[in-house]
């Protein structure tokens, strides 16, 4: 799971997600991963809107 977030961050060169990954690694719980996925979905939709 964390590798996917890291790869996405590298691909988009967005370091907010790497910060998010670091936060998840410090507190590895199911909730933190759920939050990370939700934030990724929100970020991805914001990114696609800004590209249009």
PDB file of N, CA and C in Angstrom:
ATOM      1  N   UNK A   1       0.827  -1.198   0.000  1.00  0.00           N
ATOM      2  CA  UNK A   1       0.000   0.000   0.000  1.00  0.00           C
ATOM      3  C   UNK A   1       0.868   1.256   0.000  1.00  0.00           C
ATOM      4  N   UNK A   2       1.837   1.310   0.907  1.00  0.00           N
ATOM      5  CA  UNK A   2       2.684   2.505   1.003  1.00  0.00           C
ATOM      6  C   UNK A   2       3.530   2.698  -0.255  1.00  0.00           C
ATOM      7  N   UNK A   3       3.909   1.598  -0.898  1.00  0.00           N
ATOM      8  CA  UNK A   3       4.681   1.707  -2.139  1.00  0.00           C
ATOM      9  C   UNK A   3       3.874   2.366  -3.243  1.00  0.00           C
ATOM     10  N   UNK A   4       2.587   2.061  -3.291  1.00  0.00           N
ATOM     11  CA  UNK A   4       1.705   2.673  -4.290  1.00  0.00           C
ATOM     12  C   UNK A   4       1.666   4.182  -4.101  1.00  0.00           C
ATOM     13  N   UNK A   5       1.535   4.615  -2.846  1.00  0.00           N
ATOM     14  CA  UNK A   5       1.500   6.047  -2.538  1.00  0.00           C
ATOM     15  C   UNK A   5       2.819   6.696  -2.944  1.00  0.00           C
ATOM     16  N   UNK A   6       3.928   6.025  -2.633  1.00  0.00           N
ATOM     17  CA  UNK A   6       5.249   6.561  -2.957  1.00  0.00           C
ATOM     18  C   UNK A   6       5.449   6.658  -4.465  1.00  0.00           C
ATOM     19  N   UNK A   7       5.061   5.615  -5.191  1.00  0.00           N
ATOM     20  CA  UNK A   7       5.181   5.621  -6.654  1.00  0.00           C
ATOM     21  C   UNK A   7       4.330   6.725  -7.265  1.00  0.00           C
ATOM     22  N   UNK A   8       3.135   6.931  -6.724  1.00  0.00           N
ATOM     23  CA  UNK A   8       2.248   7.991  -7.209  1.00  0.00           C
ATOM     24  C   UNK A   8       2.892   9.357  -6.974  1.00  0.00           C
ATOM     25  N   UNK A   9       3.524   9.509  -5.810  1.00  0.00           N
ATOM     26  CA  UNK A   9       4.189  10.768  -5.478  1.00  0.00           C
ATOM     27  C   UNK A   9       5.342  11.043  -6.437  1.00  0.00           C
ATOM     28  N   UNK A  10       6.106  10.005  -6.748  1.00  0.00           N
ATOM     29  CA  UNK A  10       7.232  10.160  -7.668  1.00  0.00           C
ATOM     30  C   UNK A  10       6.720  10.491  -9.071  1.00  0.00           C
ATOM     31  N   UNK A  11       5.684   9.788  -9.480  1.00  0.00           N
ATOM     32  CA  UNK A  11       5.119   9.989 -10.815  1.00  0.00           C
ATOM     33  C   UNK A  11       4.574  11.396 -10.997  1.00  0.00           C
ATOM     34  N   UNK A  12       3.947  11.924  -9.968  1.00  0.00           N
ATOM     35  CA  UNK A  12       3.342  13.260 -10.068  1.00  0.00           C
ATOM     36  C   UNK A  12       4.265  14.345  -9.535  1.00  0.00           C
ATOM     37  N   UNK A  13       5.410  13.916  -8.978  1.00  0.00           N
ATOM     38  CA  UNK A  13       6.365  14.840  -8.351  1.00  0.00           C
ATOM     39  C   UNK A  13       5.684  15.708  -7.293  1.00  0.00           C
ATOM     40  N   UNK A  14       4.779  15.091  -6.560  1.00  0.00           N
ATOM     41  CA  UNK A  14       4.042  15.795  -5.519  1.00  0.00           C
ATOM     42  C   UNK A  14       4.512  15.312  -4.170  1.00  0.00           C
ATOM     43  N   UNK A  15       5.152  16.199  -3.455  1.00  0.00           N
ATOM     44  CA  UNK A  15       5.806  15.796  -2.222  1.00  0.00           C
ATOM     45  C   UNK A  15       4.871  15.847  -1.024  1.00  0.00           C
ATOM     46  N   UNK A  16       3.660  16.414  -1.212  1.00  0.00           N
ATOM     47  CA  UNK A  16       2.649  16.356  -0.154  1.00  0.00           C
ATOM     48  C   UNK A  16       2.324  14.895   0.145  1.00  0.00           C
ATOM     49  N   UNK A  17       2.282  14.087  -0.894  1.00  0.00           N
ATOM     50  CA  UNK A  17       1.942  12.674  -0.708  1.00  0.00           C
ATOM     51  C   UNK A  17       3.084  11.930  -0.005  1.00  0.00           C
ATOM     52  N   UNK A  18       4.328  12.334  -0.272  1.00  0.00           N
ATOM     53  CA  UNK A  18       5.437  11.696   0.443  1.00  0.00           C
ATOM     54  C   UNK A  18       5.400  12.064   1.931  1.00  0.00           C
ATOM     55  N   UNK A  19       4.949  13.281   2.224  1.00  0.00           N
ATOM     56  CA  UNK A  19       4.749  13.677   3.627  1.00  0.00           C
ATOM     57  C   UNK A  19       3.668  12.824   4.269  1.00  0.00           C
ATOM     58  N   UNK A  20       2.603  12.601   3.507  1.00  0.00           N
ATOM     59  CA  UNK A  20       1.500  11.772   3.960  1.00  0.00           C
ATOM     60  C   UNK A  20       1.988  10.347   4.224  1.00  0.00           C
ATOM     61  N   UNK A  21       2.823   9.847   3.333  1.00  0.00           N
ATOM     62  CA  UNK A  21       3.398   8.508   3.478  1.00  0.00           C
ATOM     63  C   UNK A  21       4.233   8.425   4.755  1.00  0.00           C
ATOM     64  N   UNK A  22       5.037   9.449   4.990  1.00  0.00           N
ATOM     65  CA  UNK A  22       5.864   9.481   6.206  1.00  0.00           C
ATOM     66  C   UNK A  22       4.988   9.465   7.457  1.00  0.00           C
ATOM     67  N   UNK A  23       3.898  10.211   7.414  1.00  0.00           N
ATOM     68  CA  UNK A  23       2.965  10.238   8.536  1.00  0.00           C
ATOM     69  C   UNK A  23       2.338   8.860   8.751  1.00  0.00           C
ATOM     70  N   UNK A  24       2.030   8.177   7.661  1.00  0.00           N
ATOM     71  CA  UNK A  24       1.450   6.837   7.754  1.00  0.00           C
ATOM     72  C   UNK A  24       2.464   5.841   8.308  1.00  0.00           C
ATOM     73  N   UNK A  25       3.720   5.976   7.911  1.00  0.00           N
ATOM     74  CA  UNK A  25       4.752   5.066   8.398  1.00  0.00           C
ATOM     75  C   UNK A  25       5.005   5.233   9.895  1.00  0.00           C
ATOM     76  N   UNK A  26       4.843   6.452  10.396  1.00  0.00           N
ATOM     77  CA  UNK A  26       5.029   6.703  11.825  1.00  0.00           C
ATOM     78  C   UNK A  26       3.896   6.077  12.632  1.00  0.00           C
ATOM     79  N   UNK A  27       2.707   6.109  12.086  1.00  0.00           N
ATOM     80  CA  UNK A  27       1.540   5.607  12.807  1.00  0.00           C
ATOM     81  C   UNK A  27       0.792   4.643  11.891  1.00  0.00           C
ATOM     82  N   UNK A  28       1.319   3.421  11.778  1.00  0.00           N
ATOM     83  CA  UNK A  28       0.738   2.465  10.833  1.00  0.00           C
ATOM     84  C   UNK A  28      -0.477   1.794  11.472  1.00  0.00           C
ATOM     85  N   UNK A  29      -1.623   2.340  11.138  1.00  0.00           N
ATOM     86  CA  UNK A  29      -2.884   1.753  11.570  1.00  0.00           C
ATOM     87  C   UNK A  29      -3.788   1.696  10.354  1.00  0.00           C
ATOM     88  N   UNK A  30      -4.838   0.919  10.464  1.00  0.00           N
ATOM     89  CA  UNK A  30      -5.796   0.847   9.355  1.00  0.00           C
ATOM     90  C   UNK A  30      -6.403   2.219   9.082  1.00  0.00           C
ATOM     91  N   UNK A  31      -6.652   2.988  10.140  1.00  0.00           N
ATOM     92  CA  UNK A  31      -7.248   4.315   9.983  1.00  0.00           C
ATOM     93  C   UNK A  31      -6.355   5.263   9.203  1.00  0.00           C
ATOM     94  N   UNK A  32      -5.042   5.225   9.481  1.00  0.00           N
ATOM     95  CA  UNK A  32      -4.139   6.142   8.774  1.00  0.00           C
ATOM     96  C   UNK A  32      -4.075   5.791   7.287  1.00  0.00           C
ATOM     97  N   UNK A  33      -4.131   4.492   6.969  1.00  0.00           N
ATOM     98  CA  UNK A  33      -4.142   4.101   5.564  1.00  0.00           C
ATOM     99  C   UNK A  33      -5.451   4.499   4.891  1.00  0.00           C
ATOM    100  N   UNK A  34      -6.554   4.368   5.615  1.00  0.00           N
ATOM    101  CA  UNK A  34      -7.845   4.814   5.071  1.00  0.00           C
ATOM    102  C   UNK A  34      -7.810   6.307   4.780  1.00  0.00           C
ATOM    103  N   UNK A  35      -7.261   7.084   5.715  1.00  0.00           N
ATOM    104  CA  UNK A  35      -7.137   8.532   5.521  1.00  0.00           C
ATOM    105  C   UNK A  35      -6.252   8.834   4.322  1.00  0.00           C
ATOM    106  N   UNK A  36      -5.162   8.091   4.196  1.00  0.00           N
ATOM    107  CA  UNK A  36      -4.232   8.292   3.080  1.00  0.00           C
ATOM    108  C   UNK A  36      -4.930   8.030   1.752  1.00  0.00           C
ATOM    109  N   UNK A  37      -5.713   6.950   1.694  1.00  0.00           N
ATOM    110  CA  UNK A  37      -6.428   6.607   0.459  1.00  0.00           C
ATOM    111  C   UNK A  37      -7.466   7.679   0.131  1.00  0.00           C
ATOM    112  N   UNK A  38      -8.204   8.122   1.147  1.00  0.00           N
ATOM    113  CA  UNK A  38      -9.208   9.178   0.943  1.00  0.00           C
ATOM    114  C   UNK A  38      -8.543  10.454   0.433  1.00  0.00           C
ATOM    115  N   UNK A  39      -7.425  10.844   1.065  1.00  0.00           N
ATOM    116  CA  UNK A  39      -6.706  12.046   0.634  1.00  0.00           C
ATOM    117  C   UNK A  39      -6.153  11.891  -0.774  1.00  0.00           C
ATOM    118  N   UNK A  40      -5.698  10.675  -1.113  1.00  0.00           N
ATOM    119  CA  UNK A  40      -5.207  10.422  -2.464  1.00  0.00           C
ATOM    120  C   UNK A  40      -6.324  10.572  -3.489  1.00  0.00           C
ATOM    121  N   UNK A  41      -7.499  10.044  -3.162  1.00  0.00           N
ATOM    122  CA  UNK A  41      -8.645  10.160  -4.071  1.00  0.00           C
ATOM    123  C   UNK A  41      -9.021  11.633  -4.264  1.00  0.00           C
ATOM    124  N   UNK A  42      -9.062  12.378  -3.154  1.00  0.00           N
ATOM    125  CA  UNK A  42      -9.381  13.809  -3.223  1.00  0.00           C
ATOM    126  C   UNK A  42      -8.329  14.538  -4.049  1.00  0.00           C
ATOM    127  N   UNK A  43      -7.059  14.237  -3.782  1.00  0.00           N
ATOM    128  CA  UNK A  43      -5.970  14.885  -4.502  1.00  0.00           C
ATOM    129  C   UNK A  43      -6.029  14.565  -5.991  1.00  0.00           C
ATOM    130  N   UNK A  44      -6.289  13.299  -6.301  1.00  0.00           N
ATOM    131  CA  UNK A  44      -6.322  12.860  -7.703  1.00  0.00           C
ATOM    132  C   UNK A  44      -7.444  13.568  -8.457  1.00  0.00           C
ATOM    133  N   UNK A  45      -8.608  13.707  -7.817  1.00  0.00           N
ATOM    134  CA  UNK A  45      -9.722  14.393  -8.486  1.00  0.00           C
ATOM    135  C   UNK A  45      -9.411  15.881  -8.656  1.00  0.00           C
ATOM    136  N   UNK A  46      -8.765  16.487  -7.658  1.00  0.00           N
ATOM    137  CA  UNK A  46      -8.361  17.892  -7.769  1.00  0.00           C
ATOM    138  C   UNK A  46      -7.350  18.075  -8.899  1.00  0.00           C
ATOM    139  N   UNK A  47      -6.429  17.120  -9.013  1.00  0.00           N
ATOM    140  CA  UNK A  47      -5.393  17.187 -10.037  1.00  0.00           C
ATOM    141  C   UNK A  47      -6.019  17.086 -11.431  1.00  0.00           C
ATOM    142  N   UNK A  48      -6.945  16.147 -11.610  1.00  0.00           N
ATOM    143  CA  UNK A  48      -7.581  15.983 -12.922  1.00  0.00           C
ATOM    144  C   UNK A  48      -8.426  17.202 -13.284  1.00  0.00           C
ATOM    145  N   UNK A  49      -9.053  17.832 -12.292  1.00  0.00           N
ATOM    146  CA  UNK A  49      -9.830  19.058 -12.543  1.00  0.00           C
ATOM    147  C   UNK A  49      -8.914  20.198 -12.996  1.00  0.00           C
ATOM    148  N   UNK A  50      -7.756  20.306 -12.338  1.00  0.00           N
ATOM    149  CA  UNK A  50      -6.838  21.394 -12.676  1.00  0.00           C
ATOM    150  C   UNK A  50      -6.174  21.190 -14.038  1.00  0.00           C
ATOM    151  N   UNK A  51      -6.071  19.945 -14.480  1.00  0.00           N
ATOM    152  CA  UNK A  51      -5.462  19.666 -15.783  1.00  0.00           C
ATOM    153  C   UNK A  51      -6.404  19.951 -16.947  1.00  0.00           C
ATOM    154  N   UNK A  52      -7.727  19.914 -16.682  1.00  0.00           N
ATOM    155  CA  UNK A  52      -8.704  20.136 -17.751  1.00  0.00           C
ATOM    156  C   UNK A  52      -8.744  21.580 -18.197  1.00  0.00           C
TER     157      UNK A  52
END
